[in-house]
N, C-alpha and C. Protein backbone atom coordinates (compact mmCIF):
# COMPACT_ATOMS: atom_id res chain seq x y z
N MET A 1 -212.25 34.52 -39.76
CA MET A 1 -213.35 34.20 -38.89
C MET A 1 -214.40 35.27 -38.94
N ALA A 2 -215.50 35.08 -38.28
CA ALA A 2 -216.58 36.07 -38.25
C ALA A 2 -217.17 36.10 -36.84
N PHE A 3 -218.00 37.07 -36.59
CA PHE A 3 -218.63 37.24 -35.30
C PHE A 3 -219.39 35.98 -34.89
N ASP A 4 -219.16 35.51 -33.66
CA ASP A 4 -219.82 34.34 -33.10
C ASP A 4 -220.66 34.88 -31.91
N PRO A 5 -221.99 34.82 -32.00
CA PRO A 5 -222.84 35.39 -30.94
C PRO A 5 -223.00 34.48 -29.71
N GLN A 6 -222.48 33.27 -29.76
CA GLN A 6 -222.74 32.34 -28.63
C GLN A 6 -222.14 32.87 -27.34
N PRO A 7 -222.94 32.91 -26.24
CA PRO A 7 -222.45 33.47 -25.01
C PRO A 7 -221.15 32.85 -24.50
N ASP A 8 -220.99 31.54 -24.71
CA ASP A 8 -219.78 30.90 -24.17
C ASP A 8 -218.50 31.24 -24.93
N THR A 9 -218.63 31.92 -26.06
CA THR A 9 -217.42 32.41 -26.75
C THR A 9 -217.00 33.79 -26.15
N TRP A 10 -217.87 34.38 -25.36
CA TRP A 10 -217.57 35.63 -24.71
C TRP A 10 -217.33 35.47 -23.23
N LEU A 11 -218.08 34.59 -22.61
CA LEU A 11 -217.91 34.29 -21.18
C LEU A 11 -217.73 32.77 -21.04
N ALA A 12 -216.50 32.35 -20.78
CA ALA A 12 -216.17 30.93 -20.76
C ALA A 12 -217.02 30.17 -19.77
N ASN A 13 -217.43 28.98 -20.20
CA ASN A 13 -218.19 28.07 -19.37
C ASN A 13 -219.63 28.55 -19.01
N TRP A 14 -220.12 29.48 -19.82
CA TRP A 14 -221.51 29.92 -19.65
C TRP A 14 -222.43 28.72 -19.91
N SER A 15 -223.46 28.59 -19.10
CA SER A 15 -224.47 27.56 -19.34
C SER A 15 -225.84 28.01 -18.88
N GLU A 16 -226.88 27.38 -19.40
CA GLU A 16 -228.25 27.64 -18.99
C GLU A 16 -229.01 26.35 -19.08
N ASP A 17 -230.05 26.25 -18.25
CA ASP A 17 -230.84 25.03 -18.27
C ASP A 17 -232.34 25.33 -18.51
N GLY A 18 -232.65 26.45 -19.10
CA GLY A 18 -234.04 26.82 -19.33
C GLY A 18 -234.66 27.62 -18.23
N VAL A 19 -233.99 27.63 -17.04
CA VAL A 19 -234.52 28.35 -15.88
C VAL A 19 -233.42 29.30 -15.37
N ASP A 20 -232.23 28.80 -15.22
CA ASP A 20 -231.10 29.59 -14.68
C ASP A 20 -229.94 29.67 -15.64
N ILE A 21 -229.17 30.73 -15.52
CA ILE A 21 -227.91 30.80 -16.22
C ILE A 21 -226.83 30.57 -15.18
N THR A 22 -225.72 29.97 -15.59
CA THR A 22 -224.61 29.67 -14.67
C THR A 22 -223.31 30.18 -15.28
N LEU A 23 -222.52 30.79 -14.45
CA LEU A 23 -221.24 31.33 -14.86
C LEU A 23 -220.26 31.09 -13.74
N PRO A 24 -219.24 30.24 -13.94
CA PRO A 24 -218.34 29.98 -12.84
C PRO A 24 -217.52 31.24 -12.46
N LEU A 25 -217.23 31.40 -11.19
CA LEU A 25 -216.50 32.58 -10.75
C LEU A 25 -215.15 32.71 -11.47
N ALA A 26 -214.56 31.61 -11.84
CA ALA A 26 -213.27 31.65 -12.53
C ALA A 26 -213.37 32.34 -13.88
N THR A 27 -214.53 32.45 -14.43
CA THR A 27 -214.75 33.13 -15.73
C THR A 27 -214.54 34.64 -15.57
N ILE A 28 -214.75 35.14 -14.37
CA ILE A 28 -214.61 36.57 -14.09
C ILE A 28 -213.44 36.73 -13.10
N PRO A 29 -212.22 36.80 -13.60
CA PRO A 29 -211.04 36.82 -12.75
C PRO A 29 -211.02 37.96 -11.71
N GLU A 30 -211.64 39.06 -11.98
CA GLU A 30 -211.63 40.20 -11.09
C GLU A 30 -212.63 40.09 -9.94
N LEU A 31 -213.37 38.96 -9.88
CA LEU A 31 -214.44 38.82 -8.90
C LEU A 31 -214.21 37.64 -7.97
N THR A 32 -214.31 37.88 -6.65
CA THR A 32 -214.16 36.80 -5.69
C THR A 32 -215.52 36.33 -5.24
N ALA A 33 -215.51 35.16 -4.58
CA ALA A 33 -216.79 34.60 -4.08
C ALA A 33 -217.40 35.56 -3.03
N ALA A 34 -216.57 36.17 -2.19
CA ALA A 34 -217.08 37.12 -1.22
C ALA A 34 -217.74 38.33 -1.85
N GLU A 35 -217.15 38.82 -2.90
CA GLU A 35 -217.69 39.99 -3.61
C GLU A 35 -218.97 39.64 -4.36
N ALA A 36 -219.14 38.40 -4.77
CA ALA A 36 -220.32 37.96 -5.50
C ALA A 36 -221.40 37.41 -4.62
N ASP A 37 -221.17 37.30 -3.31
CA ASP A 37 -222.14 36.74 -2.37
C ASP A 37 -223.47 37.49 -2.44
N GLY A 38 -224.56 36.78 -2.52
CA GLY A 38 -225.91 37.36 -2.64
C GLY A 38 -226.34 38.21 -1.47
N VAL A 39 -225.75 38.05 -0.29
CA VAL A 39 -226.13 38.82 0.87
C VAL A 39 -225.08 39.84 1.27
N SER A 40 -223.84 39.44 1.28
CA SER A 40 -222.78 40.37 1.76
C SER A 40 -221.87 40.89 0.64
N GLY A 41 -222.18 40.56 -0.60
CA GLY A 41 -221.36 40.99 -1.71
C GLY A 41 -221.61 42.46 -2.08
N ASP A 42 -220.99 42.89 -3.19
CA ASP A 42 -221.05 44.27 -3.58
C ASP A 42 -221.41 44.34 -5.06
N ILE A 43 -222.63 44.80 -5.34
CA ILE A 43 -223.11 44.85 -6.76
C ILE A 43 -222.22 45.70 -7.62
N ARG A 44 -221.61 46.74 -7.07
CA ARG A 44 -220.69 47.60 -7.88
C ARG A 44 -219.53 46.77 -8.37
N LYS A 45 -218.95 45.94 -7.50
CA LYS A 45 -217.82 45.11 -7.89
C LYS A 45 -218.25 44.06 -8.93
N ILE A 46 -219.46 43.50 -8.79
CA ILE A 46 -219.97 42.54 -9.77
C ILE A 46 -220.09 43.16 -11.11
N ILE A 47 -220.71 44.32 -11.18
CA ILE A 47 -220.92 45.00 -12.48
C ILE A 47 -219.58 45.39 -13.09
N TRP A 48 -218.70 45.96 -12.30
CA TRP A 48 -217.40 46.36 -12.79
C TRP A 48 -216.60 45.16 -13.32
N ALA A 49 -216.57 44.06 -12.57
CA ALA A 49 -215.84 42.87 -12.97
C ALA A 49 -216.38 42.25 -14.27
N ILE A 50 -217.70 42.24 -14.41
CA ILE A 50 -218.28 41.73 -15.66
C ILE A 50 -217.98 42.63 -16.83
N CYS A 51 -218.13 43.95 -16.65
CA CYS A 51 -217.75 44.89 -17.73
C CYS A 51 -216.30 44.75 -18.11
N HIS A 52 -215.44 44.64 -17.06
CA HIS A 52 -214.00 44.49 -17.29
C HIS A 52 -213.70 43.25 -18.12
N GLU A 53 -214.36 42.12 -17.76
CA GLU A 53 -214.11 40.88 -18.51
C GLU A 53 -214.65 40.95 -19.92
N LEU A 54 -215.87 41.45 -20.09
CA LEU A 54 -216.42 41.58 -21.46
C LEU A 54 -215.57 42.47 -22.33
N TYR A 55 -215.10 43.58 -21.77
CA TYR A 55 -214.26 44.46 -22.57
C TYR A 55 -212.93 43.79 -22.89
N SER A 56 -212.39 43.03 -21.96
CA SER A 56 -211.14 42.30 -22.19
C SER A 56 -211.26 41.31 -23.35
N VAL A 57 -212.36 40.60 -23.34
CA VAL A 57 -212.62 39.64 -24.44
C VAL A 57 -212.85 40.40 -25.73
N TRP A 58 -213.64 41.46 -25.70
CA TRP A 58 -213.93 42.29 -26.86
C TRP A 58 -212.62 42.78 -27.48
N SER A 59 -211.78 43.40 -26.69
CA SER A 59 -210.56 44.03 -27.20
C SER A 59 -209.57 42.97 -27.68
N GLY A 60 -209.67 41.74 -27.20
CA GLY A 60 -208.80 40.67 -27.65
C GLY A 60 -209.20 40.03 -28.96
N LYS A 61 -210.35 40.38 -29.48
CA LYS A 61 -210.87 39.81 -30.74
C LYS A 61 -210.45 40.70 -31.88
N ALA A 62 -210.21 40.08 -33.03
CA ALA A 62 -209.93 40.85 -34.25
C ALA A 62 -211.21 41.60 -34.62
N ALA A 63 -211.08 42.74 -35.28
CA ALA A 63 -212.25 43.53 -35.66
C ALA A 63 -213.27 42.72 -36.41
N ALA A 64 -212.84 41.79 -37.27
CA ALA A 64 -213.77 40.98 -38.07
C ALA A 64 -214.56 40.00 -37.16
N ASP A 65 -214.09 39.74 -35.97
CA ASP A 65 -214.75 38.77 -35.06
C ASP A 65 -215.67 39.46 -34.05
N ARG A 66 -215.77 40.80 -34.16
CA ARG A 66 -216.66 41.56 -33.27
C ARG A 66 -217.96 41.84 -33.98
N PRO A 67 -219.06 41.96 -33.22
CA PRO A 67 -220.32 42.29 -33.84
C PRO A 67 -220.30 43.69 -34.41
N ALA A 68 -220.91 43.89 -35.56
CA ALA A 68 -220.96 45.21 -36.15
C ALA A 68 -221.99 46.11 -35.53
N LYS A 69 -223.01 45.51 -34.91
CA LYS A 69 -224.11 46.30 -34.37
C LYS A 69 -224.11 46.39 -32.86
N MET A 70 -222.96 46.09 -32.26
CA MET A 70 -222.73 46.26 -30.85
C MET A 70 -221.30 46.72 -30.67
N LEU A 71 -221.08 47.80 -30.02
CA LEU A 71 -219.78 48.33 -29.79
C LEU A 71 -219.48 48.49 -28.29
N MET A 72 -218.23 48.38 -27.94
CA MET A 72 -217.82 48.61 -26.56
C MET A 72 -216.71 49.64 -26.54
N PHE A 73 -216.74 50.51 -25.56
CA PHE A 73 -215.69 51.49 -25.39
C PHE A 73 -215.29 51.54 -23.92
N LYS A 74 -214.02 51.82 -23.66
CA LYS A 74 -213.54 51.96 -22.29
C LYS A 74 -212.64 53.16 -22.23
N SER A 75 -212.81 54.00 -21.21
CA SER A 75 -211.90 55.08 -21.01
C SER A 75 -211.51 55.10 -19.54
N SER A 76 -210.29 55.54 -19.25
CA SER A 76 -209.81 55.59 -17.89
C SER A 76 -209.22 57.00 -17.62
N LEU A 77 -209.43 57.47 -16.42
CA LEU A 77 -208.91 58.75 -15.98
C LEU A 77 -208.24 58.56 -14.64
N VAL A 78 -207.09 59.14 -14.47
CA VAL A 78 -206.39 59.06 -13.17
C VAL A 78 -206.53 60.39 -12.48
N ASP A 79 -207.03 60.37 -11.24
CA ASP A 79 -207.17 61.59 -10.46
C ASP A 79 -205.83 61.89 -9.88
N ASP A 80 -205.20 62.96 -10.25
CA ASP A 80 -203.86 63.35 -9.80
C ASP A 80 -203.81 63.65 -8.32
N THR A 81 -204.94 64.03 -7.74
CA THR A 81 -204.90 64.40 -6.31
C THR A 81 -204.86 63.19 -5.38
N ASP A 82 -205.55 62.09 -5.73
CA ASP A 82 -205.53 60.96 -4.84
C ASP A 82 -205.09 59.64 -5.53
N GLY A 83 -204.81 59.72 -6.82
CA GLY A 83 -204.29 58.53 -7.55
C GLY A 83 -205.38 57.53 -7.93
N SER A 84 -206.63 57.81 -7.63
CA SER A 84 -207.71 56.85 -7.99
C SER A 84 -207.88 56.84 -9.51
N VAL A 85 -208.39 55.71 -9.98
CA VAL A 85 -208.65 55.55 -11.42
C VAL A 85 -210.16 55.53 -11.59
N GLN A 86 -210.66 56.29 -12.54
CA GLN A 86 -212.09 56.28 -12.85
C GLN A 86 -212.25 55.65 -14.23
N GLU A 87 -212.94 54.52 -14.28
CA GLU A 87 -213.15 53.80 -15.55
C GLU A 87 -214.58 54.01 -16.02
N THR A 88 -214.74 54.23 -17.34
CA THR A 88 -216.07 54.30 -17.91
C THR A 88 -216.16 53.28 -19.00
N TYR A 89 -217.19 52.45 -18.94
CA TYR A 89 -217.47 51.49 -19.95
C TYR A 89 -218.73 51.94 -20.68
N THR A 90 -218.70 51.95 -22.01
CA THR A 90 -219.84 52.31 -22.77
C THR A 90 -220.17 51.17 -23.73
N PHE A 91 -221.42 50.74 -23.72
CA PHE A 91 -221.91 49.71 -24.62
C PHE A 91 -222.92 50.33 -25.56
N ARG A 92 -222.76 50.16 -26.85
CA ARG A 92 -223.70 50.73 -27.81
C ARG A 92 -224.28 49.59 -28.62
N PHE A 93 -225.64 49.54 -28.67
CA PHE A 93 -226.35 48.51 -29.41
C PHE A 93 -227.21 49.17 -30.45
N GLU A 94 -227.23 48.62 -31.66
CA GLU A 94 -228.13 49.05 -32.70
C GLU A 94 -229.40 48.19 -32.54
N THR A 95 -230.53 48.79 -32.32
CA THR A 95 -231.74 48.05 -32.04
C THR A 95 -232.80 48.29 -33.11
N GLU A 96 -233.76 47.42 -33.20
CA GLU A 96 -234.88 47.56 -34.09
C GLU A 96 -235.95 48.41 -33.42
N ILE A 97 -236.70 49.20 -34.12
CA ILE A 97 -237.70 50.02 -33.53
C ILE A 97 -238.85 49.20 -32.96
N SER A 98 -239.32 48.24 -33.66
CA SER A 98 -240.46 47.42 -33.19
C SER A 98 -240.01 46.44 -32.13
N GLY A 99 -240.47 46.58 -30.91
CA GLY A 99 -240.14 45.63 -29.85
C GLY A 99 -238.79 45.87 -29.22
N GLN A 100 -238.06 46.87 -29.63
CA GLN A 100 -236.76 47.17 -29.05
C GLN A 100 -235.88 45.95 -28.87
N GLU A 101 -235.52 45.31 -29.98
CA GLU A 101 -234.67 44.15 -29.99
C GLU A 101 -233.32 44.50 -30.57
N VAL A 102 -232.30 43.79 -30.19
CA VAL A 102 -230.97 43.93 -30.79
C VAL A 102 -231.09 43.44 -32.23
N GLU A 103 -230.61 44.23 -33.14
CA GLU A 103 -230.72 43.87 -34.55
C GLU A 103 -229.84 42.67 -34.94
N ALA A 104 -230.33 41.85 -35.82
CA ALA A 104 -229.57 40.71 -36.29
C ALA A 104 -228.39 41.22 -37.09
N GLU A 105 -227.30 40.46 -37.07
CA GLU A 105 -226.15 40.84 -37.88
C GLU A 105 -226.49 40.54 -39.28
C-alpha cells in the first residue's frame, strides 16, 4: 500500500459539507461530550485527545503507508515524585517556501 492523504483514513467518519467539518465523538475515544462542550469543555483535553488519536493511527500504519513529508513523534516522561505522566507530541511538516504549503508527496 501507499500513503493515503484522505482525512477519513486518519480520522474515522470525517466529513465536510463545504462550510463545516464534522467528526463524531466516537472517533476520538479519549474525549467525552462534556470535555468537548463549546462552553464548559476543556481545550487542553480536546487537543490532547486529538493528538493521541492521530499518533495512535500513525503508529498503527506501516512505514510505507505514512507520509514521507510529515512525521509524528511522541515521548512520555513519568514524574517520580507525583507519578504524573508528561506527554510531548511533535509534528513535523516539510513545507514549500512560496505560500507556506505542505509539500505534495
